[in-house]
Amino acid sequence: MGRRLPGRDGVSHRAGGRVVRVVDGAVEPVADLSGEVATGGEGGLLGLVFHPNEPTAFTYQTYIDVGSRQNRVVAHDLSDGWASRTVFDGIPGASIHDGGRLLAWNDALYVTSGDAGDADSAQDRDALSGKVHRLTFGGDPHPDNPFGTSVFTWGHRNPQGLAPRDGRLFSTEHGPDSDDEINLLEAGNNYGWPELQGTRGGERYTPALDSFTPTIAPGGATFYPNDGPIDAWQGDLLFGTLAGSHLHRTTIEGTTVTGNDRHFEGTFGRLRTTFVGPDDHLYAVTSNRDGRGSPQEGDDRVLRFAPA
């Protein structure tokens, strides 16, 4: 997974534990965090995001603690060779469903955690697994959180994408063999896993805005700029898919999904992360060497989508 922001570029290698920079098609090393990270399964060096105003990066890492897999959020001082300091710890880890997306938005750090294979923990509001957390940049629970803890929303299986627009926060989430989801995240809401899935809701649970069956395994998500260079994509939600092996475009009017389109189906293989670069172009990162894909020549790659 990776994130590219003005002046601070980085792509994280999940299995290798490295952060690199892509400059004019060449890969340059930025930081080697392999000694901090435990790889294997769906864990490793996952989310990467930069502080909006300070020389600090944040990573989401799987690691081993007394023989047990855990996940944590680590702050890195960019002025001191990416020196590491753990700011949020104790998130259950497993070979599956580690979550791992980070977002810096509205003066807060958002963190997604999967259920780590323990579905019932998503319905335990005190558990750190199966949640979206909202933290200060120091790693404390955000003062506006609904329960006085780090929990922003709960009842999640494996949230993989966070995308803000017009003051609202949307997410993508992996279902089991059905009902991958697009959700509108609202503080304190319970999104139902494992009791309910997809667009079904109820008094206790918030339904998804849209769902996909069979599974497409949506990854990192972003909204294309309203004045972006590809006219047809302007304002739409874009995310890569792993099982679907395509770039997915969803049109959302307010909070209502009004359309879905698939692009480049089967062309690049598994697409894990999408983001908009400082040039307003859409970028995507392939994930064909993660043990579940079929590597092509040149994989894995960072792709840029520009008008034809």
C-alpha atoms as a PDB file:
ATOM      1  CA  MET A   1       0.000   0.000   0.000  1.00  0.00           C
ATOM      2  CA  GLY A   2       1.164   3.544  -0.440  1.00  0.00           C
ATOM      3  CA  ARG A   3       0.380   7.217  -0.469  1.00  0.00           C
ATOM      4  CA  ARG A   4       1.933  10.061  -2.463  1.00  0.00           C
ATOM      5  CA  LEU A   5       1.672  13.650  -1.265  1.00  0.00           C
ATOM      6  CA  PRO A   6       3.411  16.859  -2.347  1.00  0.00           C
ATOM      7  CA  GLY A   7       7.032  16.909  -1.251  1.00  0.00           C
ATOM      8  CA  ARG A   8       6.795  13.578   0.558  1.00  0.00           C
ATOM      9  CA  ASP A   9       6.448  10.642  -1.790  1.00  0.00           C
ATOM     10  CA  GLY A  10       6.312   7.045  -0.728  1.00  0.00           C
ATOM     11  CA  VAL A  11       5.167   3.581  -1.704  1.00  0.00           C
ATOM     12  CA  SER A  12       5.243   0.924   1.000  1.00  0.00           C
ATOM     13  CA  HIS A  13       6.197  -2.688   0.278  1.00  0.00           C
ATOM     14  CA  ARG A  14       3.920  -4.898   2.338  1.00  0.00           C
ATOM     15  CA  ALA A  15       6.106  -8.001   2.285  1.00  0.00           C
ATOM     16  CA  GLY A  16       9.494  -6.297   2.090  1.00  0.00           C
ATOM     17  CA  GLY A  17       8.967  -3.756   4.851  1.00  0.00           C
ATOM     18  CA  ARG A  18      10.490  -0.991   2.755  1.00  0.00           C
ATOM     19  CA  VAL A  19       9.337   2.455   1.679  1.00  0.00           C
ATOM     20  CA  VAL A  20      10.500   3.583  -1.752  1.00  0.00           C
ATOM     21  CA  ARG A  21      10.025   6.579  -4.000  1.00  0.00           C
ATOM     22  CA  VAL A  22       9.337   6.391  -7.737  1.00  0.00           C
ATOM     23  CA  VAL A  23      11.094   9.167  -9.668  1.00  0.00           C
ATOM     24  CA  ASP A  24      10.936   9.261 -13.475  1.00  0.00           C
ATOM     25  CA  GLY A  25      10.180   5.549 -13.543  1.00  0.00           C
ATOM     26  CA  ALA A  26      13.107   4.625 -11.300  1.00  0.00           C
ATOM     27  CA  VAL A  27      12.778   3.285  -7.742  1.00  0.00           C
ATOM     28  CA  GLU A  28      14.699   5.064  -4.993  1.00  0.00           C
ATOM     29  CA  PRO A  29      14.921   3.742  -1.402  1.00  0.00           C
ATOM     30  CA  VAL A  30      13.446   5.932   1.330  1.00  0.00           C
ATOM     31  CA  ALA A  31      13.330   3.786   4.487  1.00  0.00           C
ATOM     32  CA  ASP A  32      13.993   0.183   5.466  1.00  0.00           C
ATOM     33  CA  LEU A  33      11.516  -0.879   8.166  1.00  0.00           C
ATOM     34  CA  SER A  34      11.906  -4.601   7.590  1.00  0.00           C
ATOM     35  CA  GLY A  35      13.296  -5.112  11.090  1.00  0.00           C
ATOM     36  CA  GLU A  36      10.069  -3.768  12.607  1.00  0.00           C
ATOM     37  CA  VAL A  37       7.577  -5.740  10.535  1.00  0.00           C
ATOM     38  CA  ALA A  38       6.325  -9.328  10.433  1.00  0.00           C
ATOM     39  CA  THR A  39       5.214 -10.402   6.981  1.00  0.00           C
ATOM     40  CA  GLY A  40       3.166 -13.356   5.770  1.00  0.00           C
ATOM     41  CA  GLY A  41      -0.506 -13.724   4.971  1.00  0.00           C
ATOM     42  CA  GLU A  42      -2.254 -10.372   4.698  1.00  0.00           C
ATOM     43  CA  GLY A  43      -0.021  -8.611   7.214  1.00  0.00           C
ATOM     44  CA  GLY A  44       3.200  -6.663   6.878  1.00  0.00           C
ATOM     45  CA  LEU A  45       3.942  -3.008   6.214  1.00  0.00           C
ATOM     46  CA  LEU A  46       0.471  -1.803   5.281  1.00  0.00           C
ATOM     47  CA  GLY A  47      -0.808   1.781   5.452  1.00  0.00           C
ATOM     48  CA  LEU A  48       1.391   4.827   4.888  1.00  0.00           C
ATOM     49  CA  VAL A  49       0.346   8.455   5.263  1.00  0.00           C
ATOM     50  CA  PHE A  50       2.059  11.773   5.945  1.00  0.00           C
ATOM     51  CA  HIS A  51       1.214  14.399   8.548  1.00  0.00           C
ATOM     52  CA  PRO A  52      -0.301  17.381   6.713  1.00  0.00           C
ATOM     53  CA  ASN A  53       1.902  19.992   8.397  1.00  0.00           C
ATOM     54  CA  GLU A  54       4.851  18.317  10.114  1.00  0.00           C
ATOM     55  CA  PRO A  55       7.824  16.189   8.966  1.00  0.00           C
ATOM     56  CA  THR A  56       6.156  13.006  10.175  1.00  0.00           C
ATOM     57  CA  ALA A  57       4.974   9.850   8.422  1.00  0.00           C
ATOM     58  CA  PHE A  58       2.704   7.173   9.890  1.00  0.00           C
ATOM     59  CA  THR A  59       2.778   3.478   9.029  1.00  0.00           C
ATOM     60  CA  TYR A  60       0.512   0.578   9.979  1.00  0.00           C
ATOM     61  CA  GLN A  61       2.588  -2.478  10.810  1.00  0.00           C
ATOM     62  CA  THR A  62       2.014  -6.129  11.606  1.00  0.00           C
ATOM     63  CA  TYR A  63       4.536  -7.432  14.145  1.00  0.00           C
ATOM     64  CA  ILE A  64       5.113 -10.341  16.528  1.00  0.00           C
ATOM     65  CA  ASP A  65       4.747  -9.846  20.284  1.00  0.00           C
ATOM     66  CA  VAL A  66       5.535 -12.892  22.466  1.00  0.00           C
ATOM     67  CA  GLY A  67       4.634 -15.230  19.626  1.00  0.00           C
ATOM     68  CA  SER A  68       1.371 -13.446  18.808  1.00  0.00           C
ATOM     69  CA  ARG A  69       0.592 -11.326  15.757  1.00  0.00           C
ATOM     70  CA  GLN A  70      -0.355  -7.736  16.527  1.00  0.00           C
ATOM     71  CA  ASN A  71      -0.824  -4.535  14.565  1.00  0.00           C
ATOM     72  CA  ARG A  72       0.270  -1.034  15.494  1.00  0.00           C
ATOM     73  CA  VAL A  73       0.535   2.505  14.171  1.00  0.00           C
ATOM     74  CA  VAL A  74       4.049   3.938  14.150  1.00  0.00           C
ATOM     75  CA  ALA A  75       5.082   7.585  13.725  1.00  0.00           C
ATOM     76  CA  HIS A  76       8.330   8.282  11.852  1.00  0.00           C
ATOM     77  CA  ASP A  77      10.413  11.440  12.185  1.00  0.00           C
ATOM     78  CA  LEU A  78      11.382  12.392   8.622  1.00  0.00           C
ATOM     79  CA  SER A  79      14.007  14.810   9.919  1.00  0.00           C
ATOM     80  CA  ASP A  80      15.734  11.982  11.798  1.00  0.00           C
ATOM     81  CA  GLY A  81      16.071   9.228   9.218  1.00  0.00           C
ATOM     82  CA  TRP A  82      12.542   7.879   9.690  1.00  0.00           C
ATOM     83  CA  ALA A  83      13.122   7.181  13.388  1.00  0.00           C
ATOM     84  CA  SER A  84      10.186   5.141  14.719  1.00  0.00           C
ATOM     85  CA  ARG A  85       7.870   5.720  17.671  1.00  0.00           C
ATOM     86  CA  THR A  86       4.771   3.573  18.311  1.00  0.00           C
ATOM     87  CA  VAL A  87       1.692   5.746  18.888  1.00  0.00           C
ATOM     88  CA  PHE A  88      -1.178   3.192  18.835  1.00  0.00           C
ATOM     89  CA  ASP A  89      -0.724  -0.450  19.719  1.00  0.00           C
ATOM     90  CA  GLY A  90      -2.486  -3.676  20.626  1.00  0.00           C
ATOM     91  CA  ILE A  91      -4.629  -4.097  17.504  1.00  0.00           C
ATOM     92  CA  PRO A  92      -5.167  -7.859  17.077  1.00  0.00           C
ATOM     93  CA  GLY A  93      -3.373  -9.339  14.077  1.00  0.00           C
ATOM     94  CA  ALA A  94      -3.703 -12.548  12.075  1.00  0.00           C
ATOM     95  CA  SER A  95      -2.803 -14.029   8.724  1.00  0.00           C
ATOM     96  CA  ILE A  96      -6.082 -12.526   7.437  1.00  0.00           C
ATOM     97  CA  HIS A  97      -8.162  -9.373   7.926  1.00  0.00           C
ATOM     98  CA  ASP A  98      -5.563  -6.970   9.274  1.00  0.00           C
ATOM     99  CA  GLY A  99      -7.184  -3.820   7.874  1.00  0.00           C
ATOM    100  CA  GLY A 100      -4.318  -1.349   7.667  1.00  0.00           C
ATOM    101  CA  ARG A 101      -5.554   1.788   5.908  1.00  0.00           C
ATOM    102  CA  LEU A 102      -4.491   5.185   7.252  1.00  0.00           C
ATOM    103  CA  LEU A 103      -5.959   8.608   6.449  1.00  0.00           C
ATOM    104  CA  ALA A 104      -4.952  12.054   7.695  1.00  0.00           C
ATOM    105  CA  TRP A 105      -8.072  14.226   7.445  1.00  0.00           C
ATOM    106  CA  ASN A 106      -9.809  16.953   9.416  1.00  0.00           C
ATOM    107  CA  ASP A 107      -6.970  17.226  11.924  1.00  0.00           C
ATOM    108  CA  ALA A 108      -7.243  13.539  12.793  1.00  0.00           C
ATOM    109  CA  LEU A 109      -5.607  10.228  11.947  1.00  0.00           C
ATOM    110  CA  TYR A 110      -8.048   7.516  10.853  1.00  0.00           C
ATOM    111  CA  VAL A 111      -7.047   3.850  11.140  1.00  0.00           C
ATOM    112  CA  THR A 112      -8.893   0.787   9.829  1.00  0.00           C
ATOM    113  CA  SER A 113      -8.606  -2.542  11.662  1.00  0.00           C
ATOM    114  CA  GLY A 114      -9.961  -5.855  10.404  1.00  0.00           C
ATOM    115  CA  ASP A 115     -11.551  -8.498  12.601  1.00  0.00           C
ATOM    116  CA  ALA A 116      -8.311 -10.574  12.464  1.00  0.00           C
ATOM    117  CA  GLY A 117     -10.378 -13.706  11.838  1.00  0.00           C
ATOM    118  CA  ASP A 118     -12.490 -13.211  14.988  1.00  0.00           C
ATOM    119  CA  ALA A 119     -15.806 -12.047  13.524  1.00  0.00           C
ATOM    120  CA  ASP A 120     -17.526 -11.605  16.897  1.00  0.00           C
ATOM    121  CA  SER A 121     -14.912  -9.085  18.017  1.00  0.00           C
ATOM    122  CA  ALA A 122     -16.311  -6.602  15.499  1.00  0.00           C
ATOM    123  CA  GLN A 123     -19.440  -6.446  17.702  1.00  0.00           C
ATOM    124  CA  ASP A 124     -17.417  -5.920  20.878  1.00  0.00           C
ATOM    125  CA  ARG A 125     -17.175  -2.161  21.151  1.00  0.00           C
ATOM    126  CA  ASP A 126     -14.210  -2.432  23.511  1.00  0.00           C
ATOM    127  CA  ALA A 127     -12.148  -4.603  21.141  1.00  0.00           C
ATOM    128  CA  LEU A 128      -9.725  -2.843  18.798  1.00  0.00           C
ATOM    129  CA  SER A 129     -10.419  -5.264  15.917  1.00  0.00           C
ATOM    130  CA  GLY A 130     -13.190  -4.761  13.357  1.00  0.00           C
ATOM    131  CA  LYS A 131     -13.243  -0.979  13.753  1.00  0.00           C
ATOM    132  CA  VAL A 132     -12.383   2.352  12.209  1.00  0.00           C
ATOM    133  CA  HIS A 133     -10.435   4.369  14.777  1.00  0.00           C
ATOM    134  CA  ARG A 134     -10.018   8.136  14.969  1.00  0.00           C
ATOM    135  CA  LEU A 135      -6.892   9.389  16.732  1.00  0.00           C
ATOM    136  CA  THR A 136      -5.040  12.593  17.352  1.00  0.00           C
ATOM    137  CA  PHE A 137      -1.709  12.757  15.580  1.00  0.00           C
ATOM    138  CA  GLY A 138      -0.129  11.857  18.914  1.00  0.00           C
ATOM    139  CA  GLY A 139      -2.035   8.555  18.932  1.00  0.00           C
ATOM    140  CA  ASP A 140      -4.629   9.394  21.598  1.00  0.00           C
ATOM    141  CA  PRO A 141      -8.388   8.901  21.108  1.00  0.00           C
ATOM    142  CA  HIS A 142      -9.763  11.922  19.282  1.00  0.00           C
ATOM    143  CA  PRO A 143     -11.726  14.151  21.691  1.00  0.00           C
ATOM    144  CA  ASP A 144     -14.773  14.133  19.396  1.00  0.00           C
ATOM    145  CA  ASN A 145     -15.089  10.341  19.353  1.00  0.00           C
ATOM    146  CA  PRO A 146     -18.485   8.989  20.398  1.00  0.00           C
ATOM    147  CA  PHE A 147     -17.479   6.548  23.177  1.00  0.00           C
ATOM    148  CA  GLY A 148     -14.466   8.193  24.777  1.00  0.00           C
ATOM    149  CA  THR A 149     -12.182   5.578  23.183  1.00  0.00           C
ATOM    150  CA  SER A 150     -10.359   5.340  19.870  1.00  0.00           C
ATOM    151  CA  VAL A 151     -13.438   3.821  18.178  1.00  0.00           C
ATOM    152  CA  PHE A 152     -15.057   5.948  15.489  1.00  0.00           C
ATOM    153  CA  THR A 153     -17.227   3.221  13.880  1.00  0.00           C
ATOM    154  CA  TRP A 154     -17.604  -0.519  14.565  1.00  0.00           C
ATOM    155  CA  GLY A 155     -19.032  -3.724  13.133  1.00  0.00           C
ATOM    156  CA  HIS A 156     -16.492  -4.004  10.301  1.00  0.00           C
ATOM    157  CA  ARG A 157     -15.021  -7.145   8.731  1.00  0.00           C
ATOM    158  CA  ASN A 158     -11.979  -5.812   6.878  1.00  0.00           C
ATOM    159  CA  PRO A 159     -12.185  -2.141   5.825  1.00  0.00           C
ATOM    160  CA  GLN A 160      -9.654  -1.354   3.111  1.00  0.00           C
ATOM    161  CA  GLY A 161     -10.292   2.144   1.780  1.00  0.00           C
ATOM    162  CA  LEU A 162     -10.999   5.595   3.258  1.00  0.00           C
ATOM    163  CA  ALA A 163     -12.069   8.461   1.020  1.00  0.00           C
ATOM    164  CA  PRO A 164     -13.371  11.857   2.234  1.00  0.00           C
ATOM    165  CA  ARG A 165     -15.576  14.197   0.204  1.00  0.00           C
ATOM    166  CA  ASP A 166     -17.542  17.308   1.182  1.00  0.00           C
ATOM    167  CA  GLY A 167     -17.146  16.653   4.890  1.00  0.00           C
ATOM    168  CA  ARG A 168     -18.258  13.020   4.611  1.00  0.00           C
ATOM    169  CA  LEU A 169     -16.079   9.917   4.959  1.00  0.00           C
ATOM    170  CA  PHE A 170     -16.659   6.888   2.742  1.00  0.00           C
ATOM    171  CA  SER A 171     -15.032   3.470   2.975  1.00  0.00           C
ATOM    172  CA  THR A 172     -14.623   0.256   1.027  1.00  0.00           C
ATOM    173  CA  GLU A 173     -14.768  -3.079   2.823  1.00  0.00           C
ATOM    174  CA  HIS A 174     -14.188  -6.742   2.043  1.00  0.00           C
ATOM    175  CA  GLY A 175     -17.098  -9.121   2.558  1.00  0.00           C
ATOM    176  CA  PRO A 176     -16.714 -12.908   2.780  1.00  0.00           C
ATOM    177  CA  ASP A 177     -17.799 -14.505  -0.538  1.00  0.00           C
ATOM    178  CA  SER A 178     -20.500 -11.858  -0.994  1.00  0.00           C
ATOM    179  CA  ASP A 179     -21.401  -8.294  -0.098  1.00  0.00           C
ATOM    180  CA  ASP A 180     -18.248  -6.287  -0.467  1.00  0.00           C
ATOM    181  CA  GLU A 181     -19.338  -2.838   0.654  1.00  0.00           C
ATOM    182  CA  ILE A 182     -19.174   0.893   0.104  1.00  0.00           C
ATOM    183  CA  ASN A 183     -20.055   2.578   3.400  1.00  0.00           C
ATOM    184  CA  LEU A 184     -20.693   6.107   4.576  1.00  0.00           C
ATOM    185  CA  LEU A 185     -18.953   6.271   7.948  1.00  0.00           C
ATOM    186  CA  GLU A 186     -20.711   8.219  10.680  1.00  0.00           C
ATOM    187  CA  ALA A 187     -19.410   8.505  14.226  1.00  0.00           C
ATOM    188  CA  GLY A 188     -20.730   5.822  16.553  1.00  0.00           C
ATOM    189  CA  ASN A 189     -22.504   3.757  13.902  1.00  0.00           C
ATOM    190  CA  ASN A 190     -22.420  -0.054  13.853  1.00  0.00           C
ATOM    191  CA  TYR A 191     -22.048  -1.512  10.336  1.00  0.00           C
ATOM    192  CA  GLY A 192     -23.321  -4.944  11.232  1.00  0.00           C
ATOM    193  CA  TRP A 193     -20.574  -7.524  10.709  1.00  0.00           C
ATOM    194  CA  PRO A 194     -21.074 -10.427  11.268  1.00  0.00           C
ATOM    195  CA  GLU A 195     -24.802 -10.053  12.060  1.00  0.00           C
ATOM    196  CA  LEU A 196     -25.789  -8.293   8.832  1.00  0.00           C
ATOM    197  CA  GLN A 197     -24.021  -7.586   5.548  1.00  0.00           C
ATOM    198  CA  GLY A 198     -24.473  -5.457   2.466  1.00  0.00           C
ATOM    199  CA  THR A 199     -27.365  -3.048   2.027  1.00  0.00           C
ATOM    200  CA  ARG A 200     -29.483  -4.788   4.657  1.00  0.00           C
ATOM    201  CA  GLY A 201     -29.840  -2.789   7.860  1.00  0.00           C
ATOM    202  CA  GLY A 202     -32.031  -2.488  10.892  1.00  0.00           C
ATOM    203  CA  GLU A 203     -32.503  -0.604  14.122  1.00  0.00           C
ATOM    204  CA  ARG A 204     -28.997  -1.432  15.364  1.00  0.00           C
ATOM    205  CA  TYR A 205     -27.035  -1.579  12.127  1.00  0.00           C
ATOM    206  CA  THR A 206     -26.166   0.878   9.365  1.00  0.00           C
ATOM    207  CA  PRO A 207     -26.567  -0.576   5.866  1.00  0.00           C
ATOM    208  CA  ALA A 208     -23.956  -0.166   3.144  1.00  0.00           C
ATOM    209  CA  LEU A 209     -24.574   2.369   0.393  1.00  0.00           C
ATOM    210  CA  ASP A 210     -23.848  -0.371  -2.124  1.00  0.00           C
ATOM    211  CA  SER A 211     -22.576  -3.947  -2.140  1.00  0.00           C
ATOM    212  CA  PHE A 212     -21.027  -6.349  -4.632  1.00  0.00           C
ATOM    213  CA  THR A 213     -21.728 -10.049  -5.043  1.00  0.00           C
ATOM    214  CA  PRO A 214     -19.748 -12.072  -6.018  1.00  0.00           C
ATOM    215  CA  THR A 215     -16.846 -10.497  -4.220  1.00  0.00           C
ATOM    216  CA  ILE A 216     -14.510  -8.102  -6.049  1.00  0.00           C
ATOM    217  CA  ALA A 217     -12.304  -7.327  -2.977  1.00  0.00           C
ATOM    218  CA  PRO A 218     -12.151  -3.517  -3.160  1.00  0.00           C
ATOM    219  CA  GLY A 219      -8.935  -1.867  -2.075  1.00  0.00           C
ATOM    220  CA  GLY A 220      -7.844   1.679  -1.329  1.00  0.00           C
ATOM    221  CA  ALA A 221     -10.289   4.326  -2.519  1.00  0.00           C
ATOM    222  CA  THR A 222     -10.188   7.965  -3.565  1.00  0.00           C
ATOM    223  CA  PHE A 223     -12.468  10.562  -5.101  1.00  0.00           C
ATOM    224  CA  TYR A 224     -11.327  11.872  -8.464  1.00  0.00           C
ATOM    225  CA  PRO A 225     -10.996  15.682  -8.484  1.00  0.00           C
ATOM    226  CA  ASN A 226     -13.975  17.639  -9.755  1.00  0.00           C
ATOM    227  CA  ASP A 227     -11.641  19.317 -12.225  1.00  0.00           C
ATOM    228  CA  GLY A 228      -9.482  16.246 -12.889  1.00  0.00           C
ATOM    229  CA  PRO A 229      -8.005  15.681 -16.352  1.00  0.00           C
ATOM    230  CA  ILE A 230     -10.361  12.785 -17.259  1.00  0.00           C
ATOM    231  CA  ASP A 231     -13.746  14.446 -17.635  1.00  0.00           C
ATOM    232  CA  ALA A 232     -15.831  11.272 -17.320  1.00  0.00           C
ATOM    233  CA  TRP A 233     -14.337  10.453 -13.892  1.00  0.00           C
ATOM    234  CA  GLN A 234     -14.716  13.861 -12.256  1.00  0.00           C
ATOM    235  CA  GLY A 235     -16.176  13.606  -8.758  1.00  0.00           C
ATOM    236  CA  ASP A 236     -16.457   9.805  -8.833  1.00  0.00           C
ATOM    237  CA  LEU A 237     -15.192   7.274  -6.295  1.00  0.00           C
ATOM    238  CA  LEU A 238     -12.398   5.138  -7.730  1.00  0.00           C
ATOM    239  CA  PHE A 239     -10.856   2.052  -6.193  1.00  0.00           C
ATOM    240  CA  GLY A 240      -8.802  -0.926  -7.273  1.00  0.00           C
ATOM    241  CA  THR A 241     -10.075  -4.462  -6.877  1.00  0.00           C
ATOM    242  CA  LEU A 242      -8.097  -7.569  -6.007  1.00  0.00           C
ATOM    243  CA  ALA A 243     -10.451 -10.447  -6.828  1.00  0.00           C
ATOM    244  CA  GLY A 244     -12.115  -8.345  -9.519  1.00  0.00           C
ATOM    245  CA  SER A 245      -8.821  -7.323 -11.142  1.00  0.00           C
ATOM    246  CA  HIS A 246     -10.176  -4.040 -12.441  1.00  0.00           C
ATOM    247  CA  LEU A 247     -10.377  -0.340 -11.658  1.00  0.00           C
ATOM    248  CA  HIS A 248     -13.846   0.340 -10.278  1.00  0.00           C
ATOM    249  CA  ARG A 249     -15.695   3.641 -10.653  1.00  0.00           C
ATOM    250  CA  THR A 250     -18.753   4.446  -8.541  1.00  0.00           C
ATOM    251  CA  THR A 251     -20.865   7.561  -9.018  1.00  0.00           C
ATOM    252  CA  ILE A 252     -22.284   8.923  -5.767  1.00  0.00           C
ATOM    253  CA  GLU A 253     -24.782  11.782  -5.705  1.00  0.00           C
ATOM    254  CA  GLY A 254     -24.799  13.060  -2.132  1.00  0.00           C
ATOM    255  CA  THR A 255     -25.062   9.777  -0.268  1.00  0.00           C
ATOM    256  CA  THR A 256     -26.778   7.747  -3.005  1.00  0.00           C
ATOM    257  CA  VAL A 257     -24.920   5.440  -5.386  1.00  0.00           C
ATOM    258  CA  THR A 258     -26.168   6.132  -8.907  1.00  0.00           C
ATOM    259  CA  GLY A 259     -23.826   4.056 -11.045  1.00  0.00           C
ATOM    260  CA  ASN A 260     -20.943   1.569 -11.244  1.00  0.00           C
ATOM    261  CA  ASP A 261     -18.465   0.957 -14.047  1.00  0.00           C
ATOM    262  CA  ARG A 262     -15.486  -1.345 -14.503  1.00  0.00           C
ATOM    263  CA  HIS A 263     -12.350  -0.212 -16.306  1.00  0.00           C
ATOM    264  CA  PHE A 264      -9.266  -2.129 -17.491  1.00  0.00           C
ATOM    265  CA  GLU A 265     -10.767  -5.444 -16.410  1.00  0.00           C
ATOM    266  CA  GLY A 266      -8.043  -8.099 -16.410  1.00  0.00           C
ATOM    267  CA  THR A 267      -5.479  -5.683 -17.864  1.00  0.00           C
ATOM    268  CA  PHE A 268      -3.209  -5.100 -14.882  1.00  0.00           C
ATOM    269  CA  GLY A 269      -4.230  -7.898 -12.517  1.00  0.00           C
ATOM    270  CA  ARG A 270      -4.830  -7.153  -8.858  1.00  0.00           C
ATOM    271  CA  LEU A 271      -5.094  -3.448  -7.960  1.00  0.00           C
ATOM    272  CA  ARG A 272      -4.692  -2.721  -4.256  1.00  0.00           C
ATOM    273  CA  THR A 273      -4.315   1.023  -3.786  1.00  0.00           C
ATOM    274  CA  THR A 274      -5.543   4.068  -5.684  1.00  0.00           C
ATOM    275  CA  PHE A 275      -4.747   7.695  -4.924  1.00  0.00           C
ATOM    276  CA  VAL A 276      -4.683  11.092  -6.589  1.00  0.00           C
ATOM    277  CA  GLY A 277      -1.221  12.587  -6.977  1.00  0.00           C
ATOM    278  CA  PRO A 278      -0.245  16.268  -6.707  1.00  0.00           C
ATOM    279  CA  ASP A 279      -0.647  16.492 -10.486  1.00  0.00           C
ATOM    280  CA  ASP A 280      -4.369  15.530 -10.113  1.00  0.00           C
ATOM    281  CA  HIS A 281      -3.829  12.290 -12.027  1.00  0.00           C
ATOM    282  CA  LEU A 282      -5.085   8.985 -10.650  1.00  0.00           C
ATOM    283  CA  TYR A 283      -2.439   6.473  -9.586  1.00  0.00           C
ATOM    284  CA  ALA A 284      -2.883   2.787  -8.760  1.00  0.00           C
ATOM    285  CA  VAL A 285      -0.547   0.168  -7.320  1.00  0.00           C
ATOM    286  CA  THR A 286      -0.682  -3.434  -8.500  1.00  0.00           C
ATOM    287  CA  SER A 287      -0.488  -6.375  -6.078  1.00  0.00           C
ATOM    288  CA  ASN A 288       0.318  -9.390  -8.231  1.00  0.00           C
ATOM    289  CA  ARG A 289       3.275 -10.695  -6.217  1.00  0.00           C
ATOM    290  CA  ASP A 290       1.398 -11.137  -2.946  1.00  0.00           C
ATOM    291  CA  GLY A 291       0.924 -14.884  -3.365  1.00  0.00           C
ATOM    292  CA  ARG A 292      -2.577 -14.600  -4.794  1.00  0.00           C
ATOM    293  CA  GLY A 293      -1.960 -13.000  -8.162  1.00  0.00           C
ATOM    294  CA  SER A 294      -0.388 -14.024 -11.450  1.00  0.00           C
ATOM    295  CA  PRO A 295       2.647 -11.780 -11.904  1.00  0.00           C
ATOM    296  CA  GLN A 296       3.129 -10.140 -15.268  1.00  0.00           C
ATOM    297  CA  GLU A 297       6.346  -8.811 -16.699  1.00  0.00           C
ATOM    298  CA  GLY A 298       7.372  -5.722 -14.764  1.00  0.00           C
ATOM    299  CA  ASP A 299       5.157  -6.379 -11.709  1.00  0.00           C
ATOM    300  CA  ASP A 300       4.554  -4.919  -9.291  1.00  0.00           C
ATOM    301  CA  ARG A 301       3.943  -1.454 -10.701  1.00  0.00           C
ATOM    302  CA  VAL A 302       2.698   2.032  -9.941  1.00  0.00           C
ATOM    303  CA  LEU A 303       0.308   3.056 -12.714  1.00  0.00           C
ATOM    304  CA  ARG A 304      -0.750   6.559 -13.750  1.00  0.00           C
ATOM    305  CA  PHE A 305      -4.029   7.095 -15.613  1.00  0.00           C
ATOM    306  CA  ALA A 306      -4.003  10.074 -17.958  1.00  0.00           C
ATOM    307  CA  PRO A 307      -6.363  11.159 -20.769  1.00  0.00           C
ATOM    308  CA  ALA A 308      -5.849   9.251 -24.008  1.00  0.00           C
END
